[in-house]
Protein backbone atom coordinates (compact mmCIF):
# COMPACT_ATOMS: atom_id res chain seq x y z
CA UNK A 1 153.40 65.49 76.68
CA UNK A 2 157.17 65.03 77.21
CA UNK A 3 156.34 61.09 78.06
CA UNK A 4 155.69 60.56 74.34
CA UNK A 5 159.32 61.35 73.63
CA UNK A 6 161.79 58.73 72.86
CA UNK A 7 165.17 59.76 72.86
CA UNK A 8 165.95 63.15 71.27
CA UNK A 9 164.16 62.96 67.80
CA UNK A 10 161.27 60.20 68.16
CA UNK A 11 158.01 60.47 69.59
CA UNK A 12 155.56 57.73 70.17
CA UNK A 13 151.95 58.74 69.56
CA UNK A 14 149.59 57.79 72.17
CA UNK A 15 146.41 57.95 70.08
CA UNK A 16 147.89 57.10 66.23
CA UNK A 17 145.78 58.37 63.74
CA UNK A 18 144.64 56.13 60.71
CA UNK A 19 145.08 56.60 57.16
CA UNK A 20 141.43 57.07 56.16
CA UNK A 21 142.17 57.75 52.13
CA UNK A 22 144.47 58.14 49.76
CA UNK A 23 145.13 59.64 46.33
CA UNK A 24 147.94 59.71 43.90
CA UNK A 25 147.82 61.63 40.43
CA UNK A 26 150.65 61.43 38.01
CA UNK A 27 152.19 62.21 34.37
CA UNK A 28 152.45 60.25 31.24
CA UNK A 29 156.12 59.11 32.05
CA UNK A 30 155.56 58.13 35.87
CA UNK A 31 152.43 56.44 34.53
CA UNK A 32 154.62 54.47 32.11
CA UNK A 33 156.55 52.91 34.77
CA UNK A 34 156.54 50.06 37.14
CA UNK A 35 154.03 51.42 39.62
CA UNK A 36 151.28 52.03 36.88
CA UNK A 37 148.65 49.98 38.57
CA UNK A 38 148.67 51.94 42.08
CA UNK A 39 148.16 55.58 40.69
CA UNK A 40 144.55 56.71 40.93
CA UNK A 41 144.96 59.11 37.64
CA UNK A 42 147.63 59.15 34.72
CA UNK A 43 147.52 62.14 32.70
CA UNK A 44 148.78 62.35 29.04
CA UNK A 45 148.81 66.08 29.12
CA UNK A 46 151.78 67.51 31.09
CA UNK A 47 149.86 70.85 31.09
CA UNK A 48 146.61 69.48 32.62
CA UNK A 49 144.61 71.43 30.28
CA UNK A 50 146.15 74.57 31.80
CA UNK A 51 148.46 77.60 29.84
CA UNK A 52 151.76 76.91 31.89
CA UNK A 53 153.56 73.90 33.97
CA UNK A 54 153.21 75.96 37.03
CA UNK A 55 149.27 76.20 36.61
CA UNK A 56 149.34 72.59 35.77
CA UNK A 57 150.84 71.67 39.07
CA UNK A 58 148.29 73.30 41.19
CA UNK A 59 145.30 71.81 39.00
CA UNK A 60 147.25 68.30 39.55
CA UNK A 61 147.29 68.67 43.06
CA UNK A 62 143.66 70.06 43.76
CA UNK A 63 142.76 66.99 41.62
CA UNK A 64 144.52 64.64 43.95
CA UNK A 65 142.85 66.33 46.83
CA UNK A 66 139.57 65.73 45.58
CA UNK A 67 139.97 62.32 44.71
CA UNK A 68 141.30 61.61 48.44
CA UNK A 69 138.27 63.33 49.89
CA UNK A 70 135.94 61.64 47.37
CA UNK A 71 137.55 58.02 47.93
CA UNK A 72 137.18 58.90 51.57
CA UNK A 73 133.55 60.05 51.59
CA UNK A 74 135.12 63.03 53.56
CA UNK A 75 133.80 66.76 52.56
CA UNK A 76 136.40 69.19 52.77
CA UNK A 77 134.58 70.95 55.62
CA UNK A 78 135.11 67.93 57.63
CA UNK A 79 138.88 68.66 57.66
CA UNK A 80 140.39 70.82 60.70
CA UNK A 81 143.93 71.62 58.69
CA UNK A 82 145.52 70.91 55.19
CA UNK A 83 149.47 70.58 55.34
CA UNK A 84 150.91 70.95 52.17
CA UNK A 85 154.03 72.04 50.24
CA UNK A 86 155.79 71.93 46.94
CA UNK A 87 159.17 72.70 45.35
CA UNK A 88 158.14 76.13 43.56
CA UNK A 89 159.22 79.41 45.16
CA UNK A 90 156.82 80.41 48.23
CA UNK A 91 154.82 76.84 47.80
CA UNK A 92 152.58 78.54 45.14
CA UNK A 93 151.38 75.38 43.69
CA UNK A 94 149.90 74.19 47.16
CA UNK A 95 148.68 77.51 48.34
CA UNK A 96 146.99 78.28 44.50
CA UNK A 97 145.38 74.77 44.97
CA UNK A 98 143.79 75.23 48.22
CA UNK A 99 142.69 79.05 48.02
CA UNK A 100 139.10 77.87 47.34
CA UNK A 101 139.09 74.85 49.58
CA UNK A 102 137.73 76.84 52.57
CA UNK A 103 140.13 74.70 54.96
CA UNK A 104 142.97 75.88 57.34
CA UNK A 105 145.81 75.58 55.75
CA UNK A 106 149.61 75.19 56.82
CA UNK A 107 152.20 75.65 53.84
CA UNK A 108 155.33 73.75 54.41
CA UNK A 109 158.85 73.69 52.87
CA UNK A 110 161.08 70.34 53.20
CA UNK A 111 161.93 69.94 49.58
CA UNK A 112 161.53 66.23 48.65
CA UNK A 113 160.94 65.37 52.21
CA UNK A 114 157.70 67.51 52.56
CA UNK A 115 155.26 64.46 52.43
CA UNK A 116 157.18 63.13 55.85
CA UNK A 117 157.03 66.51 57.46
CA UNK A 118 153.38 66.92 56.43
CA UNK A 119 152.34 63.55 57.80
CA UNK A 120 154.59 64.19 60.85
CA UNK A 121 152.71 67.40 61.72
CA UNK A 122 149.28 66.14 60.67
CA UNK A 123 149.71 63.15 63.19
CA UNK A 124 151.13 65.18 65.90
CA UNK A 125 148.25 67.44 65.51
CA UNK A 126 145.45 64.63 65.93
CA UNK A 127 147.46 62.91 68.57
CA UNK A 128 147.62 66.22 70.73
CA UNK A 129 143.88 66.55 70.50
CA UNK A 130 144.06 69.67 68.02
CA UNK A 131 142.48 67.88 65.07
CA UNK A 132 140.12 65.08 64.29
CA UNK A 133 140.81 64.87 60.57
CA UNK A 134 143.76 66.60 58.43
CA UNK A 135 145.03 66.13 54.92
CA UNK A 136 148.72 65.98 54.27
CA UNK A 137 149.67 66.26 50.82
CA UNK A 138 152.53 67.78 48.27
CA UNK A 139 153.44 67.95 44.58
CA UNK A 140 156.03 68.32 41.94
CA UNK A 141 156.24 68.71 38.38
CA UNK A 142 159.20 67.76 36.22
CA UNK A 143 158.96 70.91 33.70
CA UNK A 144 158.27 73.61 36.23
CA UNK A 145 161.13 72.41 38.31
CA UNK A 146 163.41 72.30 35.46
CA UNK A 147 162.36 75.78 34.56
CA UNK A 148 163.00 77.04 38.27
CA UNK A 149 166.09 75.08 39.40
CA UNK A 150 167.94 74.47 36.12
CA UNK A 151 167.93 75.33 32.80
CA UNK A 152 164.81 75.97 30.47
CA UNK A 153 164.05 72.64 28.48
CA UNK A 154 164.32 74.26 25.30
CA UNK A 155 167.91 74.41 26.00
CA UNK A 156 168.34 70.92 26.17
CA UNK A 157 170.93 70.93 28.97
CA UNK A 158 172.97 67.86 29.44
CA UNK A 159 172.06 65.58 32.51
CA UNK A 160 174.98 63.84 34.76
CA UNK A 161 174.41 60.17 35.47
CA UNK A 162 173.89 61.10 39.35
CA UNK A 163 170.97 63.53 38.36
CA UNK A 164 167.57 62.54 39.29
CA UNK A 165 164.29 63.19 37.19
CA UNK A 166 161.61 65.16 39.06
CA UNK A 167 158.56 63.21 39.32
CA UNK A 168 155.32 64.93 37.76
CA UNK A 169 152.94 63.78 40.49
CA UNK A 170 150.88 64.50 43.59
CA UNK A 171 149.99 62.58 46.53
CA UNK A 172 147.39 63.08 49.29
CA UNK A 173 146.87 61.18 52.57
CA UNK A 174 143.62 61.76 54.91
CA UNK A 175 144.38 61.16 58.71
CA UNK A 176 141.74 60.69 61.04
CA UNK A 177 141.51 60.29 64.72
CA UNK A 178 139.76 57.02 66.01
CA UNK A 179 139.91 52.97 65.96
CA UNK A 180 139.69 52.56 62.17
CA UNK A 181 141.64 49.47 60.62
CA UNK A 182 144.48 49.43 58.74
CA UNK A 183 147.50 51.79 58.40
CA UNK A 184 148.20 54.07 61.48
CA UNK A 185 151.04 56.38 62.00
CA UNK A 186 152.60 55.41 65.56
CA UNK A 187 156.03 56.70 65.66
CA UNK A 188 157.69 59.82 64.20
CA UNK A 189 161.32 60.57 63.95
CA UNK A 190 162.02 64.32 62.93
CA UNK A 191 165.11 64.59 61.13
CA UNK A 192 168.00 67.12 61.83
CA UNK A 193 169.70 68.96 59.03
CA UNK A 194 173.14 67.40 57.65
CA UNK A 195 175.34 69.17 55.47
CA UNK A 196 177.89 66.83 53.78
CA UNK A 197 179.28 69.62 51.83
CA UNK A 198 177.87 68.33 48.42
CA UNK A 199 177.62 71.27 46.02
CA UNK A 200 176.67 69.36 43.11
CA UNK A 201 172.87 70.22 42.46
CA UNK A 202 173.15 67.23 40.01
CA UNK A 203 174.01 64.57 42.89
CA UNK A 204 171.17 65.31 45.15
CA UNK A 205 171.20 61.75 46.41
CA UNK A 206 174.70 61.99 47.86
CA UNK A 207 173.65 65.19 49.69
CA UNK A 208 170.45 63.61 51.35
CA UNK A 209 172.02 60.29 51.94
CA UNK A 210 173.92 61.30 55.15
CA UNK A 211 170.60 62.94 56.77
CA UNK A 212 168.84 59.50 55.77
CA UNK A 213 171.62 57.84 57.63
CA UNK A 214 171.36 59.84 60.81
CA UNK A 215 167.47 59.36 61.00
CA UNK A 216 167.34 55.92 60.73
CA UNK A 217 170.13 55.50 63.08
CA UNK A 218 168.23 57.78 65.64
CA UNK A 219 164.93 55.81 65.07
CA UNK A 220 166.53 52.49 65.73
CA UNK A 221 168.24 53.78 68.73
CA UNK A 222 165.28 55.64 70.15
CA UNK A 223 162.86 52.95 69.62
CA UNK A 224 165.10 49.95 70.07
CA UNK A 225 163.79 48.53 67.08
CA UNK A 226 165.71 46.63 64.63
CA UNK A 227 165.68 47.00 60.87
CA UNK A 228 164.13 43.62 60.62
CA UNK A 229 161.21 44.85 62.91
CA UNK A 230 159.90 46.37 59.35
CA UNK A 231 158.66 44.55 56.58
CA UNK A 232 159.93 47.48 54.06
CA UNK A 233 162.14 50.47 54.85
CA UNK A 234 161.40 52.91 52.05
CA UNK A 235 163.65 56.37 51.56
CA UNK A 236 162.37 58.94 49.16
CA UNK A 237 163.98 60.25 47.03
CA UNK A 238 167.64 59.22 47.00
CA UNK A 239 167.58 57.71 43.70
CA UNK A 240 170.22 54.72 42.82
CA UNK A 241 173.38 56.71 43.43
CA UNK A 242 172.05 58.32 46.97
CA UNK A 243 170.67 54.65 47.83
CA UNK A 244 174.13 53.41 47.24
CA UNK A 245 175.91 55.93 49.60
CA UNK A 246 173.25 55.23 52.25
CA UNK A 247 174.26 51.41 51.96
CA UNK A 248 177.94 52.24 52.27
CA UNK A 249 177.37 54.39 55.29
CA UNK A 250 175.55 51.69 57.01
CA UNK A 251 178.37 49.27 56.00
CA UNK A 252 180.87 51.67 57.16
CA UNK A 253 179.36 51.70 60.74
CA UNK A 254 179.14 47.81 60.88
CA UNK A 255 175.51 48.12 61.02
CA UNK A 256 174.35 45.92 58.09
CA UNK A 257 171.76 46.83 55.31
CA UNK A 258 168.77 44.90 55.33
CA UNK A 259 166.82 43.72 52.15
CA UNK A 260 163.84 45.48 53.20
CA UNK A 261 165.38 48.76 52.43
CA UNK A 262 164.40 50.41 48.99
CA UNK A 263 163.77 53.92 47.71
CA UNK A 264 160.61 55.74 46.10
CA UNK A 265 163.08 57.33 43.69
CA UNK A 266 164.56 53.95 42.57
CA UNK A 267 160.77 52.02 42.47
CA UNK A 268 158.90 54.61 40.37
CA UNK A 269 160.75 54.33 37.08
CA UNK A 270 162.21 51.59 35.15
CA UNK A 271 165.94 52.47 34.61
CA UNK A 272 166.72 50.22 31.76
CA UNK A 273 163.43 51.16 29.67
CA UNK A 274 163.04 55.02 30.97
CA UNK A 275 165.57 57.66 30.53
CA UNK A 276 165.51 58.69 34.24
CA UNK A 277 169.13 58.46 35.21
CA UNK A 278 169.42 57.83 38.80
CA UNK A 279 165.63 57.77 39.32
CA UNK A 280 163.12 59.84 40.61
CA UNK A 281 162.95 62.95 42.95
CA UNK A 282 160.74 65.69 43.53
CA UNK A 283 157.96 66.29 46.21
CA UNK A 284 155.64 64.29 44.41
CA UNK A 285 157.77 60.99 44.09
CA UNK A 286 157.65 60.27 47.48
CA UNK A 287 154.18 61.41 47.97
CA UNK A 288 152.49 59.37 44.77
CA UNK A 289 154.69 56.15 45.82
CA UNK A 290 153.41 56.23 49.27
CA UNK A 291 149.75 57.11 48.44
CA UNK A 292 149.62 54.46 45.93
CA UNK A 293 152.13 51.74 46.25
CA UNK A 294 153.13 51.68 50.02
CA UNK A 295 150.00 52.02 51.29
CA UNK A 296 148.19 49.84 48.78
CA UNK A 297 150.69 46.91 49.91
CA UNK A 298 149.53 47.65 53.57
CA UNK A 299 145.92 47.62 52.58
CA UNK A 300 146.04 44.34 50.86
CA UNK A 301 148.28 42.72 54.01
CA UNK A 302 151.49 42.29 52.12
CA UNK A 303 153.25 44.54 54.56
CA UNK A 304 151.89 45.31 58.01
CA UNK A 305 155.01 47.51 59.28
CA UNK A 306 156.52 50.13 57.28
CA UNK A 307 159.06 52.93 57.71
CA UNK A 308 158.81 55.68 55.45
CA UNK A 309 161.78 58.12 55.16
CA UNK A 310 161.15 61.05 53.26
CA UNK A 311 164.57 62.81 52.25
CA UNK A 312 164.82 66.49 50.90
CA UNK A 313 167.56 68.68 49.31
CA UNK A 314 167.25 71.99 51.40
CA UNK A 315 168.62 74.22 48.56
CA UNK A 316 167.04 76.94 46.34
CA UNK A 317 167.91 78.24 42.81
CA UNK A 318 169.78 80.95 44.34
CA UNK A 319 171.90 79.09 46.59
CA UNK A 320 172.66 76.55 43.94
CA UNK A 321 173.84 79.31 41.57
CA UNK A 322 176.05 80.86 44.39
CA UNK A 323 177.51 77.62 44.96
CA UNK A 324 176.40 76.98 48.46
CA UNK A 325 176.35 73.41 49.65
CA UNK A 326 173.29 71.44 49.71
CA UNK A 327 172.00 70.32 53.24
CA UNK A 328 169.92 67.23 53.49
CA UNK A 329 166.94 66.24 55.91
CA UNK A 330 164.82 63.29 56.51
CA UNK A 331 161.97 62.42 58.44
CA UNK A 332 161.05 59.11 59.40
CA UNK A 333 157.07 58.26 59.87
CA UNK A 334 156.24 54.43 61.08
CA UNK A 335 153.20 53.12 59.55
CA UNK A 336 151.80 49.80 61.17
CA UNK A 337 148.57 47.87 60.38
CA UNK A 338 146.19 48.00 63.65
CA UNK A 339 142.88 46.23 63.61
CA UNK A 340 140.00 47.74 65.24
CA UNK A 341 139.10 46.65 68.56
């Protein structure tokens, strides 16, 4: 098993699982943004027909899971594991969404990096021979996250320019073993927790950027690949300010910052037209952008090699109120188009 390791943080999968199906469900604001064409379902109702925003998030994630299974013609009973998580306390959105699925379930918390974590664990599980098919998925909801982490929306709290807008969205990816054509997960670089000492919960991009830098640097060193190897390198979700910090860190090290770099939080909203401040955030941001925009571009052959680098601010409502710093983490997943032989 150790032979799969490249360096200290990266693994090269010997039997790369392939993306069998994807789905993404988003809210009205996200559906009005530049990625509208790649979402499977856009809801005009922030409650998704439920009595609370928290229940709405569970319904949204359950709907996303169902769409993914339908698109892939896969019954839930054909899955060995579900890897899922969200931002709410005890990850109740994910566990409540999946409580009737009948599938073995791993609940995860990596903040906004949860989709990268879920994909990593799911892919390693398949490559290790422990499963043939798994689902990696996650969600977030703007109103539910605001209620938990900040002030209730009714208070109308003022947002700083560095603040990001929690995406109302969910993404699901079904991974399968075998020689299917299309996007495969070939390499995984698991991030280390990096604490830059940022205490401002309204500037999570700056808190996560150093973790993204360290993971990217580790990936390039471990794999001996250059950034130019990839058609796109996409972090999520640093937002505009965090993305700028990451560029500065690369420049400071003399590594340069390739044009292939972008960020899910930058992509999902139209900043001049939509009031999203620094951009998108939340578990659902990277998950929805990956499940829709990124993987559709790979399916259409626009990109053949993509490095998806999900970032997370590992804070809680309690730690933020107590003034503790915000550690960051970033998990990188290499997606490469492989034709079935």
